[in-house]
Amino acid sequence: MEQYLITPAAGKRLIAKALAKHPAVNESLASGTIVIIAGTTNGYVAEEILSFIGQAENFSRKRFFRDVVLPLAVL
């Protein structure tokens, strides 16, 4: 058995890529609505799904997290 170390960001991206191709997600996309709550991993998921459907152009996952609200000037 081989083991690989990846960064937290790479792990989140891997989870997002898998979810974007998951049959249940694709079925929901085909029927019309999918809801993604805020969260750091979910920001990657939203980005991958929006890329998959060709709507990621103006999306930024930088402010897609829970429990903290920052003014735009902080970013």
PDB file of N, CA and C in Angstrom:
ATOM      1  N   MET A   1       0.841  -1.171   0.000  1.00  0.00           N
ATOM      2  CA  MET A   1       0.000   0.000   0.000  1.00  0.00           C
ATOM      3  C   MET A   1       0.894   1.245   0.000  1.00  0.00           C
ATOM      4  N   GLU A   2       0.520   2.211  -0.805  1.00  0.00           N
ATOM      5  CA  GLU A   2       1.252   3.477  -0.865  1.00  0.00           C
ATOM      6  C   GLU A   2       0.443   4.561  -0.180  1.00  0.00           C
ATOM      7  N   GLN A   3       1.161   5.509   0.421  1.00  0.00           N
ATOM      8  CA  GLN A   3       0.511   6.647   1.053  1.00  0.00           C
ATOM      9  C   GLN A   3       1.065   7.927   0.440  1.00  0.00           C
ATOM     10  N   TYR A   4       0.197   8.898   0.331  1.00  0.00           N
ATOM     11  CA  TYR A   4       0.584  10.197  -0.221  1.00  0.00           C
ATOM     12  C   TYR A   4       0.145  11.288   0.739  1.00  0.00           C
ATOM     13  N   LEU A   5       0.954  12.285   0.873  1.00  0.00           N
ATOM     14  CA  LEU A   5       0.596  13.452   1.666  1.00  0.00           C
ATOM     15  C   LEU A   5       0.188  14.575   0.724  1.00  0.00           C
ATOM     16  N   ILE A   6      -0.923  15.205   1.046  1.00  0.00           N
ATOM     17  CA  ILE A   6      -1.358  16.357   0.254  1.00  0.00           C
ATOM     18  C   ILE A   6      -1.706  17.495   1.207  1.00  0.00           C
ATOM     19  N   THR A   7      -1.701  18.688   0.685  1.00  0.00           N
ATOM     20  CA  THR A   7      -2.041  19.851   1.504  1.00  0.00           C
ATOM     21  C   THR A   7      -3.548  19.865   1.779  1.00  0.00           C
ATOM     22  N   PRO A   8      -3.973  20.584   2.807  1.00  0.00           N
ATOM     23  CA  PRO A   8      -5.416  20.710   3.042  1.00  0.00           C
ATOM     24  C   PRO A   8      -6.155  21.276   1.825  1.00  0.00           C
ATOM     25  N   ALA A   9      -5.563  22.244   1.152  1.00  0.00           N
ATOM     26  CA  ALA A   9      -6.204  22.822  -0.034  1.00  0.00           C
ATOM     27  C   ALA A   9      -6.341  21.784  -1.144  1.00  0.00           C
ATOM     28  N   ALA A  10      -5.314  20.959  -1.334  1.00  0.00           N
ATOM     29  CA  ALA A  10      -5.388  19.917  -2.359  1.00  0.00           C
ATOM     30  C   ALA A  10      -6.442  18.876  -1.991  1.00  0.00           C
ATOM     31  N   GLY A  11      -6.564  18.570  -0.698  1.00  0.00           N
ATOM     32  CA  GLY A  11      -7.596  17.637  -0.251  1.00  0.00           C
ATOM     33  C   GLY A  11      -8.991  18.182  -0.502  1.00  0.00           C
ATOM     34  N   LYS A  12      -9.172  19.462  -0.246  1.00  0.00           N
ATOM     35  CA  LYS A  12     -10.469  20.099  -0.494  1.00  0.00           C
ATOM     36  C   LYS A  12     -10.789  20.101  -1.987  1.00  0.00           C
ATOM     37  N   ARG A  13      -9.788  20.366  -2.801  1.00  0.00           N
ATOM     38  CA  ARG A  13      -9.990  20.362  -4.258  1.00  0.00           C
ATOM     39  C   ARG A  13     -10.353  18.951  -4.731  1.00  0.00           C
ATOM     40  N   LEU A  14      -9.701  17.935  -4.183  1.00  0.00           N
ATOM     41  CA  LEU A  14      -9.987  16.549  -4.555  1.00  0.00           C
ATOM     42  C   LEU A  14     -11.417  16.163  -4.192  1.00  0.00           C
ATOM     43  N   ILE A  15     -11.840  16.541  -2.988  1.00  0.00           N
ATOM     44  CA  ILE A  15     -13.226  16.307  -2.576  1.00  0.00           C
ATOM     45  C   ILE A  15     -14.186  17.012  -3.532  1.00  0.00           C
ATOM     46  N   ALA A  16     -13.889  18.245  -3.885  1.00  0.00           N
ATOM     47  CA  ALA A  16     -14.751  19.031  -4.768  1.00  0.00           C
ATOM     48  C   ALA A  16     -14.864  18.405  -6.149  1.00  0.00           C
ATOM     49  N   LYS A  17     -13.746  17.951  -6.695  1.00  0.00           N
ATOM     50  CA  LYS A  17     -13.768  17.322  -8.023  1.00  0.00           C
ATOM     51  C   LYS A  17     -14.603  16.041  -8.006  1.00  0.00           C
ATOM     52  N   ALA A  18     -14.487  15.269  -6.930  1.00  0.00           N
ATOM     53  CA  ALA A  18     -15.276  14.039  -6.813  1.00  0.00           C
ATOM     54  C   ALA A  18     -16.765  14.352  -6.713  1.00  0.00           C
ATOM     55  N   LEU A  19     -17.118  15.342  -5.898  1.00  0.00           N
ATOM     56  CA  LEU A  19     -18.530  15.691  -5.755  1.00  0.00           C
ATOM     57  C   LEU A  19     -19.126  16.254  -7.036  1.00  0.00           C
ATOM     58  N   ALA A  20     -18.350  17.008  -7.782  1.00  0.00           N
ATOM     59  CA  ALA A  20     -18.852  17.582  -9.030  1.00  0.00           C
ATOM     60  C   ALA A  20     -19.198  16.503 -10.052  1.00  0.00           C
ATOM     61  N   LYS A  21     -18.599  15.336  -9.913  1.00  0.00           N
ATOM     62  CA  LYS A  21     -18.875  14.233 -10.843  1.00  0.00           C
ATOM     63  C   LYS A  21     -19.795  13.169 -10.253  1.00  0.00           C
ATOM     64  N   HIS A  22     -20.228  13.359  -9.013  1.00  0.00           N
ATOM     65  CA  HIS A  22     -21.078  12.373  -8.349  1.00  0.00           C
ATOM     66  C   HIS A  22     -22.443  12.311  -9.029  1.00  0.00           C
ATOM     67  N   PRO A  23     -22.961  11.093  -9.255  1.00  0.00           N
ATOM     68  CA  PRO A  23     -24.261  10.949  -9.931  1.00  0.00           C
ATOM     69  C   PRO A  23     -25.410  11.702  -9.251  1.00  0.00           C
ATOM     70  N   ALA A  24     -25.453  11.729  -7.935  1.00  0.00           N
ATOM     71  CA  ALA A  24     -26.540  12.427  -7.242  1.00  0.00           C
ATOM     72  C   ALA A  24     -26.470  13.933  -7.480  1.00  0.00           C
ATOM     73  N   VAL A  25     -25.261  14.474  -7.542  1.00  0.00           N
ATOM     74  CA  VAL A  25     -25.098  15.906  -7.813  1.00  0.00           C
ATOM     75  C   VAL A  25     -25.512  16.204  -9.246  1.00  0.00           C
ATOM     76  N   ASN A  26     -25.081  15.378 -10.173  1.00  0.00           N
ATOM     77  CA  ASN A  26     -25.446  15.590 -11.576  1.00  0.00           C
ATOM     78  C   ASN A  26     -26.950  15.451 -11.793  1.00  0.00           C
ATOM     79  N   GLU A  27     -27.567  14.539 -11.077  1.00  0.00           N
ATOM     80  CA  GLU A  27     -29.021  14.377 -11.165  1.00  0.00           C
ATOM     81  C   GLU A  27     -29.731  15.629 -10.645  1.00  0.00           C
ATOM     82  N   SER A  28     -29.224  16.165  -9.533  1.00  0.00           N
ATOM     83  CA  SER A  28     -29.809  17.395  -8.982  1.00  0.00           C
ATOM     84  C   SER A  28     -29.617  18.579  -9.916  1.00  0.00           C
ATOM     85  N   LEU A  29     -28.441  18.669 -10.526  1.00  0.00           N
ATOM     86  CA  LEU A  29     -28.194  19.740 -11.499  1.00  0.00           C
ATOM     87  C   LEU A  29     -29.147  19.642 -12.681  1.00  0.00           C
ATOM     88  N   ALA A  30     -29.394  18.426 -13.138  1.00  0.00           N
ATOM     89  CA  ALA A  30     -30.290  18.218 -14.277  1.00  0.00           C
ATOM     90  C   ALA A  30     -31.731  18.583 -13.932  1.00  0.00           C
ATOM     91  N   SER A  31     -32.131  18.368 -12.671  1.00  0.00           N
ATOM     92  CA  SER A  31     -33.510  18.663 -12.292  1.00  0.00           C
ATOM     93  C   SER A  31     -33.705  20.126 -11.901  1.00  0.00           C
ATOM     94  N   GLY A  32     -32.617  20.884 -11.764  1.00  0.00           N
ATOM     95  CA  GLY A  32     -32.782  22.310 -11.601  1.00  0.00           C
ATOM     96  C   GLY A  32     -32.099  23.017 -10.456  1.00  0.00           C
ATOM     97  N   THR A  33     -32.090  22.464  -9.250  1.00  0.00           N
ATOM     98  CA  THR A  33     -31.591  23.231  -8.122  1.00  0.00           C
ATOM     99  C   THR A  33     -30.615  22.424  -7.288  1.00  0.00           C
ATOM    100  N   ILE A  34     -29.548  23.104  -6.886  1.00  0.00           N
ATOM    101  CA  ILE A  34     -28.597  22.527  -5.937  1.00  0.00           C
ATOM    102  C   ILE A  34     -28.209  23.648  -4.976  1.00  0.00           C
ATOM    103  N   VAL A  35     -28.142  23.338  -3.698  1.00  0.00           N
ATOM    104  CA  VAL A  35     -27.816  24.322  -2.679  1.00  0.00           C
ATOM    105  C   VAL A  35     -26.507  23.906  -2.019  1.00  0.00           C
ATOM    106  N   ILE A  36     -25.585  24.857  -1.924  1.00  0.00           N
ATOM    107  CA  ILE A  36     -24.303  24.607  -1.269  1.00  0.00           C
ATOM    108  C   ILE A  36     -24.157  25.641  -0.165  1.00  0.00           C
ATOM    109  N   ILE A  37     -24.100  25.166   1.070  1.00  0.00           N
ATOM    110  CA  ILE A  37     -23.944  26.108   2.181  1.00  0.00           C
ATOM    111  C   ILE A  37     -22.494  26.577   2.248  1.00  0.00           C
ATOM    112  N   ALA A  38     -22.298  27.698   2.886  1.00  0.00           N
ATOM    113  CA  ALA A  38     -20.954  28.263   2.985  1.00  0.00           C
ATOM    114  C   ALA A  38     -20.047  27.367   3.817  1.00  0.00           C
ATOM    115  N   GLY A  39     -18.785  27.391   3.488  1.00  0.00           N
ATOM    116  CA  GLY A  39     -17.763  26.623   4.180  1.00  0.00           C
ATOM    117  C   GLY A  39     -16.519  26.593   3.315  1.00  0.00           C
ATOM    118  N   THR A  40     -15.368  26.397   3.916  1.00  0.00           N
ATOM    119  CA  THR A  40     -14.136  26.457   3.126  1.00  0.00           C
ATOM    120  C   THR A  40     -14.055  25.328   2.105  1.00  0.00           C
ATOM    121  N   THR A  41     -14.380  24.104   2.511  1.00  0.00           N
ATOM    122  CA  THR A  41     -14.383  22.993   1.547  1.00  0.00           C
ATOM    123  C   THR A  41     -15.504  23.185   0.531  1.00  0.00           C
ATOM    124  N   ASN A  42     -16.658  23.655   0.998  1.00  0.00           N
ATOM    125  CA  ASN A  42     -17.791  23.864   0.100  1.00  0.00           C
ATOM    126  C   ASN A  42     -17.507  24.960  -0.922  1.00  0.00           C
ATOM    127  N   GLY A  43     -16.623  25.882  -0.602  1.00  0.00           N
ATOM    128  CA  GLY A  43     -16.208  26.883  -1.588  1.00  0.00           C
ATOM    129  C   GLY A  43     -15.544  26.227  -2.787  1.00  0.00           C
ATOM    130  N   TYR A  44     -14.722  25.231  -2.522  1.00  0.00           N
ATOM    131  CA  TYR A  44     -14.104  24.471  -3.610  1.00  0.00           C
ATOM    132  C   TYR A  44     -15.162  23.685  -4.385  1.00  0.00           C
ATOM    133  N   VAL A  45     -16.121  23.117  -3.653  1.00  0.00           N
ATOM    134  CA  VAL A  45     -17.204  22.364  -4.298  1.00  0.00           C
ATOM    135  C   VAL A  45     -18.005  23.285  -5.210  1.00  0.00           C
ATOM    136  N   ALA A  46     -18.377  24.455  -4.702  1.00  0.00           N
ATOM    137  CA  ALA A  46     -19.135  25.410  -5.514  1.00  0.00           C
ATOM    138  C   ALA A  46     -18.340  25.798  -6.760  1.00  0.00           C
ATOM    139  N   GLU A  47     -17.059  26.050  -6.586  1.00  0.00           N
ATOM    140  CA  GLU A  47     -16.205  26.429  -7.714  1.00  0.00           C
ATOM    141  C   GLU A  47     -16.156  25.329  -8.780  1.00  0.00           C
ATOM    142  N   GLU A  48     -16.005  24.080  -8.352  1.00  0.00           N
ATOM    143  CA  GLU A  48     -15.956  22.962  -9.306  1.00  0.00           C
ATOM    144  C   GLU A  48     -17.284  22.757 -10.018  1.00  0.00           C
ATOM    145  N   ILE A  49     -18.386  22.850  -9.272  1.00  0.00           N
ATOM    146  CA  ILE A  49     -19.704  22.659  -9.887  1.00  0.00           C
ATOM    147  C   ILE A  49     -20.007  23.794 -10.849  1.00  0.00           C
ATOM    148  N   LEU A  50     -19.703  25.019 -10.446  1.00  0.00           N
ATOM    149  CA  LEU A  50     -19.925  26.151 -11.346  1.00  0.00           C
ATOM    150  C   LEU A  50     -19.049  26.038 -12.598  1.00  0.00           C
ATOM    151  N   SER A  51     -17.834  25.549 -12.455  1.00  0.00           N
ATOM    152  CA  SER A  51     -16.968  25.321 -13.622  1.00  0.00           C
ATOM    153  C   SER A  51     -17.566  24.263 -14.530  1.00  0.00           C
ATOM    154  N   PHE A  52     -18.098  23.208 -13.904  1.00  0.00           N
ATOM    155  CA  PHE A  52     -18.700  22.103 -14.657  1.00  0.00           C
ATOM    156  C   PHE A  52     -19.866  22.580 -15.521  1.00  0.00           C
ATOM    157  N   ILE A  53     -20.642  23.553 -15.002  1.00  0.00           N
ATOM    158  CA  ILE A  53     -21.798  24.045 -15.768  1.00  0.00           C
ATOM    159  C   ILE A  53     -21.488  25.344 -16.510  1.00  0.00           C
ATOM    160  N   GLY A  54     -20.231  25.764 -16.480  1.00  0.00           N
ATOM    161  CA  GLY A  54     -19.815  26.936 -17.240  1.00  0.00           C
ATOM    162  C   GLY A  54     -20.228  28.274 -16.651  1.00  0.00           C
ATOM    163  N   GLN A  55     -20.353  28.358 -15.312  1.00  0.00           N
ATOM    164  CA  GLN A  55     -20.786  29.608 -14.688  1.00  0.00           C
ATOM    165  C   GLN A  55     -19.837  30.073 -13.581  1.00  0.00           C
ATOM    166  N   ALA A  56     -18.573  29.701 -13.637  1.00  0.00           N
ATOM    167  CA  ALA A  56     -17.628  30.031 -12.566  1.00  0.00           C
ATOM    168  C   ALA A  56     -16.925  31.368 -12.753  1.00  0.00           C
ATOM    169  N   GLU A  57     -17.231  32.064 -13.818  1.00  0.00           N
ATOM    170  CA  GLU A  57     -16.484  33.269 -14.186  1.00  0.00           C
ATOM    171  C   GLU A  57     -16.362  34.304 -13.073  1.00  0.00           C
ATOM    172  N   ASN A  58     -17.435  34.645 -12.386  1.00  0.00           N
ATOM    173  CA  ASN A  58     -17.394  35.700 -11.371  1.00  0.00           C
ATOM    174  C   ASN A  58     -17.449  35.179  -9.939  1.00  0.00           C
ATOM    175  N   PHE A  59     -17.268  33.886  -9.755  1.00  0.00           N
ATOM    176  CA  PHE A  59     -17.333  33.296  -8.420  1.00  0.00           C
ATOM    177  C   PHE A  59     -15.963  33.349  -7.749  1.00  0.00           C
ATOM    178  N   SER A  60     -15.961  33.702  -6.463  1.00  0.00           N
ATOM    179  CA  SER A  60     -14.727  33.680  -5.670  1.00  0.00           C
ATOM    180  C   SER A  60     -14.988  32.926  -4.376  1.00  0.00           C
ATOM    181  N   ARG A  61     -14.214  31.907  -4.111  1.00  0.00           N
ATOM    182  CA  ARG A  61     -14.387  31.146  -2.887  1.00  0.00           C
ATOM    183  C   ARG A  61     -13.739  31.827  -1.690  1.00  0.00           C
ATOM    184  N   LYS A  62     -13.085  32.971  -1.885  1.00  0.00           N
ATOM    185  CA  LYS A  62     -12.388  33.663  -0.799  1.00  0.00           C
ATOM    186  C   LYS A  62     -13.323  34.108   0.320  1.00  0.00           C
ATOM    187  N   ARG A  63     -14.562  34.395   0.027  1.00  0.00           N
ATOM    188  CA  ARG A  63     -15.514  34.820   1.057  1.00  0.00           C
ATOM    189  C   ARG A  63     -16.595  33.765   1.290  1.00  0.00           C
ATOM    190  N   PHE A  64     -16.339  32.531   0.908  1.00  0.00           N
ATOM    191  CA  PHE A  64     -17.324  31.463   0.999  1.00  0.00           C
ATOM    192  C   PHE A  64     -17.022  30.591   2.223  1.00  0.00           C
ATOM    193  N   PHE A  65     -17.155  31.193   3.425  1.00  0.00           N
ATOM    194  CA  PHE A  65     -16.894  30.453   4.646  1.00  0.00           C
ATOM    195  C   PHE A  65     -17.931  30.826   5.689  1.00  0.00           C
ATOM    196  N   ARG A  66     -18.093  29.979   6.700  1.00  0.00           N
ATOM    197  CA  ARG A  66     -19.113  30.194   7.729  1.00  0.00           C
ATOM    198  C   ARG A  66     -18.531  30.872   8.960  1.00  0.00           C
ATOM    199  N   ASP A  67     -19.416  31.458   9.727  1.00  0.00           N
ATOM    200  CA  ASP A  67     -19.159  31.975  11.067  1.00  0.00           C
ATOM    201  C   ASP A  67     -18.386  33.278  11.135  1.00  0.00           C
ATOM    202  N   VAL A  68     -17.834  33.753  10.058  1.00  0.00           N
ATOM    203  CA  VAL A  68     -17.093  35.002  10.100  1.00  0.00           C
ATOM    204  C   VAL A  68     -17.535  35.859   8.924  1.00  0.00           C
ATOM    205  N   VAL A  69     -17.904  37.079   9.178  1.00  0.00           N
ATOM    206  CA  VAL A  69     -18.276  37.988   8.104  1.00  0.00           C
ATOM    207  C   VAL A  69     -17.290  39.146   8.139  1.00  0.00           C
ATOM    208  N   LEU A  70     -16.588  39.330   7.039  1.00  0.00           N
ATOM    209  CA  LEU A  70     -15.603  40.400   6.946  1.00  0.00           C
ATOM    210  C   LEU A  70     -16.027  41.413   5.914  1.00  0.00           C
ATOM    211  N   PRO A  71     -15.748  42.681   6.148  1.00  0.00           N
ATOM    212  CA  PRO A  71     -16.023  43.672   5.109  1.00  0.00           C
ATOM    213  C   PRO A  71     -15.081  43.451   3.942  1.00  0.00           C
ATOM    214  N   LEU A  72     -15.475  43.895   2.774  1.00  0.00           N
ATOM    215  CA  LEU A  72     -14.661  43.710   1.576  1.00  0.00           C
ATOM    216  C   LEU A  72     -13.271  44.334   1.719  1.00  0.00           C
ATOM    217  N   ALA A  73     -13.132  45.395   2.486  1.00  0.00           N
ATOM    218  CA  ALA A  73     -11.849  46.064   2.631  1.00  0.00           C
ATOM    219  C   ALA A  73     -10.793  45.183   3.293  1.00  0.00           C
ATOM    220  N   VAL A  74     -11.214  44.194   4.086  1.00  0.00           N
ATOM    221  CA  VAL A  74     -10.276  43.304   4.772  1.00  0.00           C
ATOM    222  C   VAL A  74      -9.605  42.350   3.796  1.00  0.00           C
ATOM    223  N   LEU A  75     -10.307  41.991   2.758  1.00  0.00           N
ATOM    224  CA  LEU A  75      -9.752  41.049   1.784  1.00  0.00           C
ATOM    225  C   LEU A  75      -8.748  41.756   0.928  1.00  0.00           C
TER     226      LEU A  75
END
